[in-house]
C-alpha cells in the first residue's frame, strides 16, 4: 500500500515539461505586460548594452595582434595611439559591465515588485488566503512562498538575462566567422586544382 504523502511528493516534483513551459510563459506575461512597459524598455536597453559590450570585447581581443605590427616596425606614434585605444576600450568595457549589472538589478527589483503584486491580487481574492492557510494542508506557509520563491526566481532570472539574450547573437556571429575561415582553408588546400581550372577556362 502506497503512502499518500510519498505519492503527493513524487507528483509535486519539478519537471521540465509542457506545464512548466506554460507557467513560465504566463509569468512572462506578468513581467512584460506590453512592449512599451518599463520592464520591456529596460530589457531592450540591456540587450543593446550587452551587444555593445560584446563588440568592445571583440575589439579588445584584436589589440594584441596589432601590437606585433607596431612593435615590429618600431612605430612609436602607432604604439602611443594603439595604447590610447586599448585604454579607452578597457575603460568602456568596464563601464558597460557596470551598466549591465545595474540594469539587471533594476530588472530584478521591478520583476519582483510586479510578480509579488500579481500573486497578492490572487491571494486576497475570494478569501483564497483563508483556504490556503486553514483548509489546505498541501501548501505550507504560502506567505513565505510568495516572498521567498518570487525573490529567488527573479534574482536568478535577472542574473541569467544578459547571458541568455546575447547567446544567440554570439552563436550566429562566430558560426559565420568559422564558416568564412573554413572557406579560406578550402581555397588554400585546393589552390593548385583551382589554378589549373582557372587557366583551363581562360584558354577556352
N, C-alpha and C. Protein backbone atom coordinates (compact mmCIF):
# COMPACT_ATOMS: atom_id res chain seq x y z
N UNK A 1 0.85 -1.21 0.00
CA UNK A 1 0.00 0.00 0.00
C UNK A 1 0.88 1.25 0.00
N UNK A 2 0.59 2.13 -0.92
CA UNK A 2 1.42 3.32 -1.07
C UNK A 2 1.07 4.35 -0.01
N UNK A 3 2.08 5.08 0.41
CA UNK A 3 1.88 6.15 1.38
C UNK A 3 1.42 7.39 0.65
N UNK A 4 0.28 8.02 1.06
CA UNK A 4 -0.24 9.18 0.35
C UNK A 4 0.75 10.32 0.26
N UNK A 5 1.45 10.55 1.34
CA UNK A 5 2.41 11.67 1.34
C UNK A 5 3.51 11.48 0.33
N UNK A 6 3.96 10.20 0.17
CA UNK A 6 5.02 9.93 -0.79
C UNK A 6 4.55 10.16 -2.21
N UNK A 7 3.31 9.71 -2.50
CA UNK A 7 2.78 9.89 -3.84
C UNK A 7 2.62 11.37 -4.18
N UNK A 8 2.14 12.13 -3.21
CA UNK A 8 1.97 13.57 -3.43
C UNK A 8 3.31 14.25 -3.65
N UNK A 9 4.31 13.88 -2.86
CA UNK A 9 5.64 14.47 -3.02
C UNK A 9 6.27 14.13 -4.35
N UNK A 10 6.04 12.88 -4.81
CA UNK A 10 6.60 12.48 -6.10
C UNK A 10 5.92 13.23 -7.24
N UNK A 11 4.57 13.43 -7.11
CA UNK A 11 3.86 14.15 -8.17
C UNK A 11 4.22 15.63 -8.20
N UNK A 12 4.57 16.18 -7.05
CA UNK A 12 4.88 17.61 -6.97
C UNK A 12 6.32 17.92 -7.33
N UNK A 13 7.10 16.92 -7.68
CA UNK A 13 8.50 17.15 -8.03
C UNK A 13 8.59 17.98 -9.31
N UNK A 14 9.42 19.01 -9.35
CA UNK A 14 9.51 19.86 -10.54
C UNK A 14 10.02 19.07 -11.74
N UNK A 15 9.39 19.33 -12.89
CA UNK A 15 9.78 18.66 -14.13
C UNK A 15 9.79 19.67 -15.27
N UNK A 16 10.68 19.45 -16.22
CA UNK A 16 10.76 20.31 -17.40
C UNK A 16 9.84 19.73 -18.47
N UNK A 17 8.58 20.14 -18.43
CA UNK A 17 7.58 19.60 -19.34
C UNK A 17 6.73 20.73 -19.90
N UNK A 18 5.62 20.37 -20.54
CA UNK A 18 4.75 21.37 -21.14
C UNK A 18 4.11 22.27 -20.10
N UNK A 19 3.78 21.71 -18.94
CA UNK A 19 3.19 22.52 -17.89
C UNK A 19 4.16 23.58 -17.39
N UNK A 20 5.43 23.21 -17.28
CA UNK A 20 6.46 24.19 -16.88
C UNK A 20 6.55 25.31 -17.91
N UNK A 21 6.52 24.95 -19.20
CA UNK A 21 6.61 25.96 -20.25
C UNK A 21 5.40 26.90 -20.22
N UNK A 22 4.21 26.35 -20.00
CA UNK A 22 3.00 27.17 -19.94
C UNK A 22 3.06 28.14 -18.76
N UNK A 23 3.49 27.65 -17.61
CA UNK A 23 3.58 28.53 -16.44
C UNK A 23 4.65 29.59 -16.63
N UNK A 24 5.75 29.22 -17.26
CA UNK A 24 6.82 30.19 -17.49
C UNK A 24 6.35 31.29 -18.44
N UNK A 25 5.59 30.93 -19.47
CA UNK A 25 5.06 31.93 -20.39
C UNK A 25 4.03 32.83 -19.70
N UNK A 26 3.25 32.25 -18.79
CA UNK A 26 2.30 33.07 -18.03
C UNK A 26 3.02 34.09 -17.16
N UNK A 27 4.14 33.68 -16.58
CA UNK A 27 4.93 34.61 -15.77
C UNK A 27 5.51 35.72 -16.64
N UNK A 28 5.93 35.37 -17.86
CA UNK A 28 6.48 36.38 -18.76
C UNK A 28 5.44 37.43 -19.12
N UNK A 29 4.17 37.02 -19.23
CA UNK A 29 3.11 37.99 -19.49
C UNK A 29 2.95 38.97 -18.34
N UNK A 30 3.24 38.50 -17.12
CA UNK A 30 3.18 39.40 -15.96
C UNK A 30 4.39 40.33 -15.95
N UNK A 31 5.56 39.79 -16.26
CA UNK A 31 6.78 40.58 -16.24
C UNK A 31 6.86 41.57 -17.40
N UNK A 32 6.29 41.18 -18.55
CA UNK A 32 6.30 42.05 -19.73
C UNK A 32 4.86 42.22 -20.22
N UNK A 33 4.08 43.09 -19.58
CA UNK A 33 2.67 43.24 -19.96
C UNK A 33 2.48 43.83 -21.35
N UNK A 34 3.42 44.65 -21.82
CA UNK A 34 3.33 45.24 -23.15
C UNK A 34 4.73 45.62 -23.63
N UNK A 35 4.83 45.92 -24.93
CA UNK A 35 6.13 46.29 -25.49
C UNK A 35 6.59 47.66 -25.01
N UNK A 36 5.66 48.49 -24.59
CA UNK A 36 6.01 49.83 -24.13
C UNK A 36 6.14 49.92 -22.61
N UNK A 37 6.08 48.78 -21.93
CA UNK A 37 6.18 48.80 -20.47
C UNK A 37 7.62 49.10 -20.04
N UNK A 38 7.77 49.46 -18.78
CA UNK A 38 9.08 49.79 -18.25
C UNK A 38 10.02 48.60 -18.29
N UNK A 39 9.50 47.41 -17.97
CA UNK A 39 10.34 46.22 -17.99
C UNK A 39 10.82 45.89 -19.39
N UNK A 40 9.94 46.05 -20.39
CA UNK A 40 10.34 45.77 -21.77
C UNK A 40 11.41 46.76 -22.24
N UNK A 41 11.26 48.02 -21.89
CA UNK A 41 12.26 49.02 -22.28
C UNK A 41 13.61 48.76 -21.60
N UNK A 42 13.57 48.37 -20.33
CA UNK A 42 14.83 48.04 -19.64
C UNK A 42 15.47 46.80 -20.25
N UNK A 43 14.65 45.84 -20.65
CA UNK A 43 15.19 44.63 -21.28
C UNK A 43 15.83 44.94 -22.63
N UNK A 44 15.20 45.81 -23.41
CA UNK A 44 15.79 46.23 -24.68
C UNK A 44 17.09 47.01 -24.46
N UNK A 45 17.10 47.84 -23.42
CA UNK A 45 18.33 48.55 -23.06
C UNK A 45 19.44 47.57 -22.70
N UNK A 46 19.07 46.54 -21.93
CA UNK A 46 20.05 45.52 -21.56
C UNK A 46 20.56 44.79 -22.79
N UNK A 47 19.69 44.53 -23.76
CA UNK A 47 20.12 43.89 -25.00
C UNK A 47 21.13 44.74 -25.74
N UNK A 48 20.86 46.04 -25.87
CA UNK A 48 21.78 46.94 -26.58
C UNK A 48 23.12 47.04 -25.85
N UNK A 49 23.08 47.15 -24.53
CA UNK A 49 24.31 47.25 -23.75
C UNK A 49 25.13 45.97 -23.88
N UNK A 50 24.47 44.83 -23.85
CA UNK A 50 25.18 43.56 -23.95
C UNK A 50 25.81 43.38 -25.32
N UNK A 51 25.10 43.76 -26.37
CA UNK A 51 25.67 43.67 -27.72
C UNK A 51 26.86 44.61 -27.87
N UNK A 52 26.74 45.82 -27.35
CA UNK A 52 27.86 46.77 -27.41
C UNK A 52 29.05 46.26 -26.61
N UNK A 53 28.78 45.62 -25.47
CA UNK A 53 29.86 45.08 -24.65
C UNK A 53 30.60 43.96 -25.39
N UNK A 54 29.85 43.10 -26.09
CA UNK A 54 30.49 42.03 -26.85
C UNK A 54 31.33 42.59 -28.00
N UNK A 55 30.86 43.67 -28.61
CA UNK A 55 31.63 44.31 -29.68
C UNK A 55 32.93 44.89 -29.14
N UNK A 56 32.86 45.52 -27.97
CA UNK A 56 34.07 46.09 -27.35
C UNK A 56 35.03 44.97 -26.96
N UNK A 57 34.51 43.88 -26.41
CA UNK A 57 35.37 42.75 -26.04
C UNK A 57 36.07 42.18 -27.27
N UNK A 58 35.36 42.12 -28.38
CA UNK A 58 35.97 41.63 -29.63
C UNK A 58 37.09 42.55 -30.08
N UNK A 59 36.86 43.86 -29.99
CA UNK A 59 37.90 44.81 -30.38
C UNK A 59 39.11 44.75 -29.45
N UNK A 60 38.87 44.53 -28.16
CA UNK A 60 39.99 44.37 -27.21
C UNK A 60 40.81 43.14 -27.56
N UNK A 61 40.14 42.09 -28.00
CA UNK A 61 40.86 40.88 -28.39
C UNK A 61 41.76 41.06 -29.60
N UNK A 62 41.47 42.07 -30.43
CA UNK A 62 42.31 42.33 -31.61
C UNK A 62 43.53 43.17 -31.30
N UNK A 63 43.55 43.81 -30.13
CA UNK A 63 44.65 44.71 -29.78
C UNK A 63 46.01 44.00 -29.74
N UNK A 64 46.16 42.83 -29.09
CA UNK A 64 47.49 42.20 -29.01
C UNK A 64 48.11 41.93 -30.36
N UNK A 65 47.32 41.48 -31.34
CA UNK A 65 47.88 41.21 -32.67
C UNK A 65 48.34 42.50 -33.35
N UNK A 66 47.69 43.62 -33.06
CA UNK A 66 48.12 44.89 -33.64
C UNK A 66 49.42 45.38 -33.01
N UNK A 67 49.67 45.00 -31.76
CA UNK A 67 50.92 45.38 -31.11
C UNK A 67 52.12 44.73 -31.80
N UNK A 68 51.95 43.52 -32.33
CA UNK A 68 53.07 42.86 -33.02
C UNK A 68 53.54 43.69 -34.21
N UNK A 69 52.57 44.21 -34.98
CA UNK A 69 52.95 45.03 -36.13
C UNK A 69 53.59 46.34 -35.73
N UNK A 70 53.05 46.98 -34.70
CA UNK A 70 53.58 48.27 -34.26
C UNK A 70 54.98 48.11 -33.69
N UNK A 71 55.17 47.11 -32.84
CA UNK A 71 56.50 46.90 -32.24
C UNK A 71 57.50 46.40 -33.26
N UNK A 72 57.02 45.59 -34.21
CA UNK A 72 57.93 45.10 -35.25
C UNK A 72 58.44 46.21 -36.14
N UNK A 73 57.60 47.18 -36.43
CA UNK A 73 58.00 48.32 -37.27
C UNK A 73 58.64 49.45 -36.47
N UNK A 74 58.71 49.30 -35.13
CA UNK A 74 59.27 50.33 -34.25
C UNK A 74 58.59 51.69 -34.46
N UNK A 75 57.25 51.61 -34.56
CA UNK A 75 56.43 52.80 -34.79
C UNK A 75 55.98 53.33 -33.43
N UNK A 76 56.68 54.38 -32.94
CA UNK A 76 56.37 54.90 -31.61
C UNK A 76 55.03 55.64 -31.59
N UNK A 77 54.72 56.39 -32.65
CA UNK A 77 53.44 57.08 -32.72
C UNK A 77 52.29 56.08 -32.80
N UNK A 78 52.50 55.05 -33.58
CA UNK A 78 51.48 54.00 -33.66
C UNK A 78 51.30 53.28 -32.33
N UNK A 79 52.41 53.11 -31.59
CA UNK A 79 52.34 52.48 -30.28
C UNK A 79 51.53 53.33 -29.31
N UNK A 80 51.74 54.64 -29.34
CA UNK A 80 51.01 55.53 -28.43
C UNK A 80 49.52 55.55 -28.76
N UNK A 81 49.19 55.64 -30.05
CA UNK A 81 47.77 55.66 -30.43
C UNK A 81 47.08 54.34 -30.13
N UNK A 82 47.82 53.23 -30.34
CA UNK A 82 47.24 51.92 -30.04
C UNK A 82 47.05 51.73 -28.55
N UNK A 83 47.99 52.22 -27.76
CA UNK A 83 47.85 52.13 -26.30
C UNK A 83 46.69 52.97 -25.80
N UNK A 84 46.53 54.16 -26.38
CA UNK A 84 45.39 55.01 -26.01
C UNK A 84 44.07 54.33 -26.37
N UNK A 85 44.02 53.71 -27.55
CA UNK A 85 42.81 53.00 -27.96
C UNK A 85 42.53 51.83 -27.01
N UNK A 86 43.58 51.11 -26.61
CA UNK A 86 43.40 49.97 -25.70
C UNK A 86 42.85 50.43 -24.35
N UNK A 87 43.38 51.54 -23.83
CA UNK A 87 42.91 52.06 -22.55
C UNK A 87 41.44 52.49 -22.65
N UNK A 88 41.09 53.17 -23.76
CA UNK A 88 39.70 53.62 -23.95
C UNK A 88 38.76 52.42 -24.02
N UNK A 89 39.16 51.38 -24.75
CA UNK A 89 38.32 50.19 -24.87
C UNK A 89 38.17 49.46 -23.54
N UNK A 90 39.25 49.40 -22.76
CA UNK A 90 39.18 48.72 -21.46
C UNK A 90 38.27 49.49 -20.50
N UNK A 91 38.41 50.83 -20.48
CA UNK A 91 37.54 51.64 -19.62
C UNK A 91 36.08 51.52 -20.08
N UNK A 92 35.85 51.55 -21.39
CA UNK A 92 34.50 51.42 -21.91
C UNK A 92 33.90 50.06 -21.58
N UNK A 93 34.74 49.03 -21.64
CA UNK A 93 34.28 47.68 -21.28
C UNK A 93 33.87 47.61 -19.81
N UNK A 94 34.66 48.23 -18.95
CA UNK A 94 34.32 48.25 -17.52
C UNK A 94 33.03 49.00 -17.26
N UNK A 95 32.85 50.14 -17.95
CA UNK A 95 31.62 50.90 -17.78
C UNK A 95 30.41 50.13 -18.27
N UNK A 96 30.55 49.44 -19.40
CA UNK A 96 29.42 48.66 -19.93
C UNK A 96 29.08 47.48 -19.01
N UNK A 97 30.09 46.86 -18.42
CA UNK A 97 29.83 45.77 -17.48
C UNK A 97 29.08 46.28 -16.25
N UNK A 98 29.50 47.44 -15.76
CA UNK A 98 28.82 48.02 -14.60
C UNK A 98 27.38 48.39 -14.94
N UNK A 99 27.17 48.97 -16.11
CA UNK A 99 25.82 49.33 -16.51
C UNK A 99 24.97 48.10 -16.76
N UNK A 100 25.59 47.04 -17.25
CA UNK A 100 24.90 45.76 -17.43
C UNK A 100 24.39 45.23 -16.09
N UNK A 101 25.26 45.21 -15.08
CA UNK A 101 24.85 44.74 -13.76
C UNK A 101 23.80 45.65 -13.14
N UNK A 102 23.94 46.95 -13.35
CA UNK A 102 22.97 47.90 -12.81
C UNK A 102 21.58 47.68 -13.43
N UNK A 103 21.54 47.46 -14.74
CA UNK A 103 20.27 47.21 -15.41
C UNK A 103 19.66 45.90 -14.97
N UNK A 104 20.49 44.87 -14.77
CA UNK A 104 19.99 43.59 -14.28
C UNK A 104 19.39 43.73 -12.89
N UNK A 105 20.02 44.53 -12.04
CA UNK A 105 19.48 44.75 -10.69
C UNK A 105 18.16 45.53 -10.73
N UNK A 106 18.06 46.51 -11.63
CA UNK A 106 16.80 47.23 -11.79
C UNK A 106 15.70 46.30 -12.27
N UNK A 107 16.05 45.42 -13.21
CA UNK A 107 15.06 44.45 -13.68
C UNK A 107 14.62 43.52 -12.56
N UNK A 108 15.57 43.10 -11.73
CA UNK A 108 15.23 42.23 -10.61
C UNK A 108 14.22 42.89 -9.67
N UNK A 109 14.47 44.15 -9.32
CA UNK A 109 13.57 44.85 -8.41
C UNK A 109 12.19 45.04 -9.04
N UNK A 110 12.16 45.44 -10.30
CA UNK A 110 10.88 45.67 -10.97
C UNK A 110 10.12 44.37 -11.17
N UNK A 111 10.82 43.29 -11.59
CA UNK A 111 10.16 41.99 -11.76
C UNK A 111 9.60 41.48 -10.44
N UNK A 112 10.38 41.61 -9.39
CA UNK A 112 9.91 41.12 -8.09
C UNK A 112 8.67 41.89 -7.63
N UNK A 113 8.68 43.19 -7.82
CA UNK A 113 7.52 44.02 -7.43
C UNK A 113 6.28 43.61 -8.21
N UNK A 114 6.40 43.49 -9.53
CA UNK A 114 5.23 43.18 -10.37
C UNK A 114 4.69 41.78 -10.08
N UNK A 115 5.60 40.81 -9.95
CA UNK A 115 5.15 39.44 -9.71
C UNK A 115 4.55 39.27 -8.32
N UNK A 116 5.12 39.93 -7.33
CA UNK A 116 4.57 39.85 -5.97
C UNK A 116 3.19 40.49 -5.91
N UNK A 117 3.03 41.64 -6.53
CA UNK A 117 1.71 42.28 -6.54
C UNK A 117 0.69 41.44 -7.29
N UNK A 118 1.11 40.81 -8.37
CA UNK A 118 0.20 39.95 -9.13
C UNK A 118 -0.26 38.76 -8.29
N UNK A 119 0.66 38.13 -7.57
CA UNK A 119 0.29 36.99 -6.73
C UNK A 119 -0.57 37.43 -5.55
N UNK A 120 -0.30 38.61 -5.00
CA UNK A 120 -1.10 39.09 -3.88
C UNK A 120 -2.55 39.39 -4.31
N UNK A 121 -2.73 39.84 -5.53
CA UNK A 121 -4.10 40.07 -6.00
C UNK A 121 -4.90 38.77 -6.03
N UNK A 122 -4.26 37.68 -6.45
CA UNK A 122 -4.93 36.38 -6.41
C UNK A 122 -5.07 35.85 -4.98
N UNK A 123 -4.08 36.17 -4.16
CA UNK A 123 -4.06 35.64 -2.79
C UNK A 123 -5.20 36.21 -1.95
N UNK A 124 -5.53 37.48 -2.17
CA UNK A 124 -6.59 38.11 -1.38
C UNK A 124 -7.92 38.19 -2.12
N UNK A 125 -8.06 37.46 -3.21
CA UNK A 125 -9.30 37.45 -3.96
C UNK A 125 -10.16 36.27 -3.50
N UNK A 126 -11.39 36.54 -3.10
CA UNK A 126 -12.32 35.47 -2.72
C UNK A 126 -11.87 34.64 -1.53
N UNK A 127 -11.17 35.25 -0.61
CA UNK A 127 -10.70 34.57 0.60
C UNK A 127 -9.81 33.36 0.29
N UNK A 128 -8.99 33.50 -0.72
CA UNK A 128 -8.03 32.43 -1.04
C UNK A 128 -7.03 32.25 0.09
N UNK A 129 -6.67 33.34 0.74
CA UNK A 129 -5.73 33.26 1.85
C UNK A 129 -6.27 32.35 2.96
N UNK A 130 -7.59 32.38 3.19
CA UNK A 130 -8.19 31.52 4.22
C UNK A 130 -8.14 30.06 3.78
N UNK A 131 -8.43 29.81 2.52
CA UNK A 131 -8.40 28.44 2.01
C UNK A 131 -7.00 27.85 2.10
N UNK A 132 -6.00 28.61 1.71
CA UNK A 132 -4.63 28.09 1.71
C UNK A 132 -4.08 27.90 3.12
N UNK A 133 -4.42 28.81 4.03
CA UNK A 133 -3.85 28.73 5.38
C UNK A 133 -4.59 27.79 6.31
N UNK A 134 -5.90 27.59 6.10
CA UNK A 134 -6.71 26.82 7.04
C UNK A 134 -7.19 25.50 6.46
N UNK A 135 -7.74 25.56 5.26
CA UNK A 135 -8.40 24.37 4.70
C UNK A 135 -7.46 23.46 3.92
N UNK A 136 -6.36 23.97 3.45
CA UNK A 136 -5.44 23.16 2.64
C UNK A 136 -4.23 22.77 3.46
N UNK A 137 -3.86 21.49 3.37
CA UNK A 137 -2.68 21.00 4.09
C UNK A 137 -1.47 20.79 3.17
N UNK A 138 -1.67 20.83 1.86
CA UNK A 138 -0.58 20.54 0.92
C UNK A 138 0.26 21.77 0.60
N UNK A 139 -0.17 22.96 1.04
CA UNK A 139 0.60 24.18 0.82
C UNK A 139 1.07 24.70 2.16
N UNK A 140 2.36 24.66 2.38
CA UNK A 140 2.90 25.08 3.67
C UNK A 140 3.38 26.52 3.58
N UNK A 141 2.87 27.35 4.47
CA UNK A 141 3.30 28.74 4.63
C UNK A 141 3.27 29.49 3.29
N UNK A 142 2.09 29.76 2.74
CA UNK A 142 2.02 30.44 1.43
C UNK A 142 2.62 31.84 1.42
N UNK A 143 2.57 32.55 2.56
CA UNK A 143 3.18 33.88 2.61
C UNK A 143 4.68 33.82 2.32
N UNK A 144 5.31 32.82 2.92
CA UNK A 144 6.75 32.65 2.70
C UNK A 144 7.03 32.22 1.26
N UNK A 145 6.14 31.41 0.69
CA UNK A 145 6.30 31.01 -0.70
C UNK A 145 6.27 32.23 -1.63
N UNK A 146 5.31 33.10 -1.38
CA UNK A 146 5.18 34.28 -2.24
C UNK A 146 6.41 35.18 -2.13
N UNK A 147 6.90 35.38 -0.91
CA UNK A 147 8.03 36.29 -0.72
C UNK A 147 9.35 35.67 -1.16
N UNK A 148 9.68 34.48 -0.66
CA UNK A 148 11.00 33.90 -0.91
C UNK A 148 11.11 33.30 -2.32
N UNK A 149 10.09 32.58 -2.76
CA UNK A 149 10.18 31.94 -4.08
C UNK A 149 10.22 32.99 -5.19
N UNK A 150 9.44 34.02 -5.05
CA UNK A 150 9.46 35.10 -6.05
C UNK A 150 10.81 35.79 -6.05
N UNK A 151 11.37 36.02 -4.87
CA UNK A 151 12.67 36.67 -4.76
C UNK A 151 13.75 35.83 -5.45
N UNK A 152 13.76 34.53 -5.19
CA UNK A 152 14.77 33.66 -5.80
C UNK A 152 14.59 33.56 -7.30
N UNK A 153 13.35 33.43 -7.73
CA UNK A 153 13.09 33.32 -9.17
C UNK A 153 13.53 34.57 -9.91
N UNK A 154 13.15 35.73 -9.41
CA UNK A 154 13.50 36.98 -10.09
C UNK A 154 15.01 37.24 -10.06
N UNK A 155 15.65 36.88 -8.96
CA UNK A 155 17.10 37.08 -8.89
C UNK A 155 17.84 36.18 -9.88
N UNK A 156 17.43 34.92 -9.95
CA UNK A 156 18.07 34.01 -10.91
C UNK A 156 17.79 34.44 -12.34
N UNK A 157 16.56 34.86 -12.61
CA UNK A 157 16.22 35.28 -13.97
C UNK A 157 16.97 36.54 -14.38
N UNK A 158 17.13 37.47 -13.46
CA UNK A 158 17.87 38.70 -13.79
C UNK A 158 19.36 38.43 -13.99
N UNK A 159 19.91 37.50 -13.21
CA UNK A 159 21.33 37.18 -13.38
C UNK A 159 21.60 36.43 -14.69
N UNK A 160 20.59 35.70 -15.18
CA UNK A 160 20.75 34.96 -16.43
C UNK A 160 20.35 35.77 -17.65
N UNK A 161 19.70 36.91 -17.46
CA UNK A 161 19.10 37.64 -18.58
C UNK A 161 20.13 38.05 -19.63
N UNK A 162 21.23 38.69 -19.20
CA UNK A 162 22.21 39.17 -20.16
C UNK A 162 22.89 38.03 -20.90
N UNK A 163 23.11 36.90 -20.20
CA UNK A 163 23.74 35.75 -20.85
C UNK A 163 22.80 35.10 -21.85
N UNK A 164 21.52 35.03 -21.50
CA UNK A 164 20.56 34.38 -22.39
C UNK A 164 20.31 35.19 -23.65
N UNK A 165 20.24 36.51 -23.54
CA UNK A 165 19.91 37.31 -24.72
C UNK A 165 21.10 37.47 -25.65
N UNK A 166 22.33 37.34 -25.14
CA UNK A 166 23.49 37.51 -26.00
C UNK A 166 23.92 36.21 -26.66
N UNK A 167 23.53 35.09 -26.08
CA UNK A 167 23.98 33.79 -26.60
C UNK A 167 23.60 33.55 -28.05
N UNK A 168 22.33 33.79 -28.48
CA UNK A 168 22.02 33.56 -29.91
C UNK A 168 22.83 34.43 -30.85
N UNK A 169 23.03 35.70 -30.51
CA UNK A 169 23.80 36.61 -31.37
C UNK A 169 25.26 36.17 -31.45
N UNK A 170 25.83 35.79 -30.30
CA UNK A 170 27.22 35.32 -30.29
C UNK A 170 27.37 34.06 -31.11
N UNK A 171 26.42 33.13 -30.96
CA UNK A 171 26.48 31.87 -31.69
C UNK A 171 26.39 32.10 -33.19
N UNK A 172 25.48 32.99 -33.62
CA UNK A 172 25.32 33.27 -35.05
C UNK A 172 26.56 33.95 -35.61
N UNK A 173 27.12 34.92 -34.86
CA UNK A 173 28.27 35.66 -35.35
C UNK A 173 29.49 34.77 -35.51
N UNK A 174 29.81 33.98 -34.47
CA UNK A 174 31.01 33.15 -34.55
C UNK A 174 30.82 31.95 -35.47
N UNK A 175 29.57 31.52 -35.68
CA UNK A 175 29.32 30.49 -36.69
C UNK A 175 29.63 31.02 -38.07
N UNK A 176 29.22 32.26 -38.33
CA UNK A 176 29.53 32.90 -39.61
C UNK A 176 31.04 33.08 -39.79
N UNK A 177 31.73 33.51 -38.72
CA UNK A 177 33.18 33.69 -38.80
C UNK A 177 33.88 32.36 -39.06
N UNK A 178 33.45 31.31 -38.39
CA UNK A 178 34.05 29.98 -38.62
C UNK A 178 33.80 29.51 -40.04
N UNK A 179 32.63 29.81 -40.58
CA UNK A 179 32.33 29.45 -41.97
C UNK A 179 33.28 30.15 -42.92
N UNK A 180 33.53 31.49 -42.71
CA UNK A 180 34.46 32.24 -43.55
C UNK A 180 35.90 31.66 -43.36
N UNK A 181 36.31 31.28 -42.25
CA UNK A 181 37.65 30.68 -42.14
C UNK A 181 37.71 29.35 -42.87
N UNK A 182 36.68 28.62 -42.79
CA UNK A 182 36.58 27.34 -43.50
C UNK A 182 36.71 27.54 -45.00
N UNK A 183 36.09 28.61 -45.55
CA UNK A 183 36.19 28.87 -46.98
C UNK A 183 37.63 29.21 -47.38
N UNK A 184 38.31 30.00 -46.56
CA UNK A 184 39.71 30.31 -46.84
C UNK A 184 40.57 29.06 -46.80
N UNK A 185 40.29 28.17 -45.86
CA UNK A 185 41.06 26.92 -45.78
C UNK A 185 40.83 26.06 -47.02
N UNK A 186 39.61 26.03 -47.52
CA UNK A 186 39.33 25.26 -48.72
C UNK A 186 40.10 25.80 -49.92
N UNK A 187 40.16 27.14 -50.02
CA UNK A 187 40.92 27.74 -51.12
C UNK A 187 42.40 27.41 -51.00
N UNK A 188 42.92 27.41 -49.76
CA UNK A 188 44.34 27.11 -49.56
C UNK A 188 44.65 25.66 -49.88
N UNK A 189 43.76 24.75 -49.47
CA UNK A 189 44.00 23.33 -49.73
C UNK A 189 43.87 23.01 -51.21
N UNK A 190 42.90 23.63 -51.86
CA UNK A 190 42.63 23.33 -53.28
C UNK A 190 43.18 24.42 -54.19
N UNK A 191 44.28 25.04 -53.78
CA UNK A 191 44.82 26.15 -54.57
C UNK A 191 45.30 25.68 -55.94
N UNK A 192 46.01 24.54 -55.98
CA UNK A 192 46.55 24.06 -57.27
C UNK A 192 45.44 23.63 -58.23
N UNK A 193 44.46 22.80 -57.82
CA UNK A 193 43.38 22.47 -58.76
C UNK A 193 42.59 23.70 -59.21
N UNK A 194 42.40 24.67 -58.30
CA UNK A 194 41.67 25.87 -58.68
C UNK A 194 42.44 26.69 -59.71
N UNK A 195 43.76 26.75 -59.55
CA UNK A 195 44.58 27.49 -60.51
C UNK A 195 44.55 26.83 -61.88
N UNK A 196 44.67 25.49 -61.92
CA UNK A 196 44.61 24.78 -63.21
C UNK A 196 43.24 24.93 -63.86
N UNK A 197 42.18 24.88 -63.07
CA UNK A 197 40.84 25.03 -63.61
C UNK A 197 40.63 26.44 -64.17
N UNK A 198 41.14 27.45 -63.46
CA UNK A 198 41.01 28.82 -63.93
C UNK A 198 41.79 29.03 -65.22
N UNK A 199 42.99 28.42 -65.29
CA UNK A 199 43.80 28.55 -66.51
C UNK A 199 43.12 27.86 -67.69
N UNK A 200 42.52 26.70 -67.44
CA UNK A 200 41.82 25.95 -68.50
C UNK A 200 40.63 26.74 -69.00
N UNK A 201 39.89 27.37 -68.08
CA UNK A 201 38.75 28.18 -68.51
C UNK A 201 39.21 29.40 -69.33
N UNK A 202 40.40 29.94 -68.94
CA UNK A 202 40.91 31.11 -69.67
C UNK A 202 41.35 30.74 -71.08
N UNK A 203 41.94 29.55 -71.25
CA UNK A 203 42.40 29.12 -72.55
C UNK A 203 41.22 28.82 -73.48
N UNK A 204 40.11 28.41 -72.92
CA UNK A 204 38.93 28.17 -73.77
C UNK A 204 38.37 29.49 -74.31
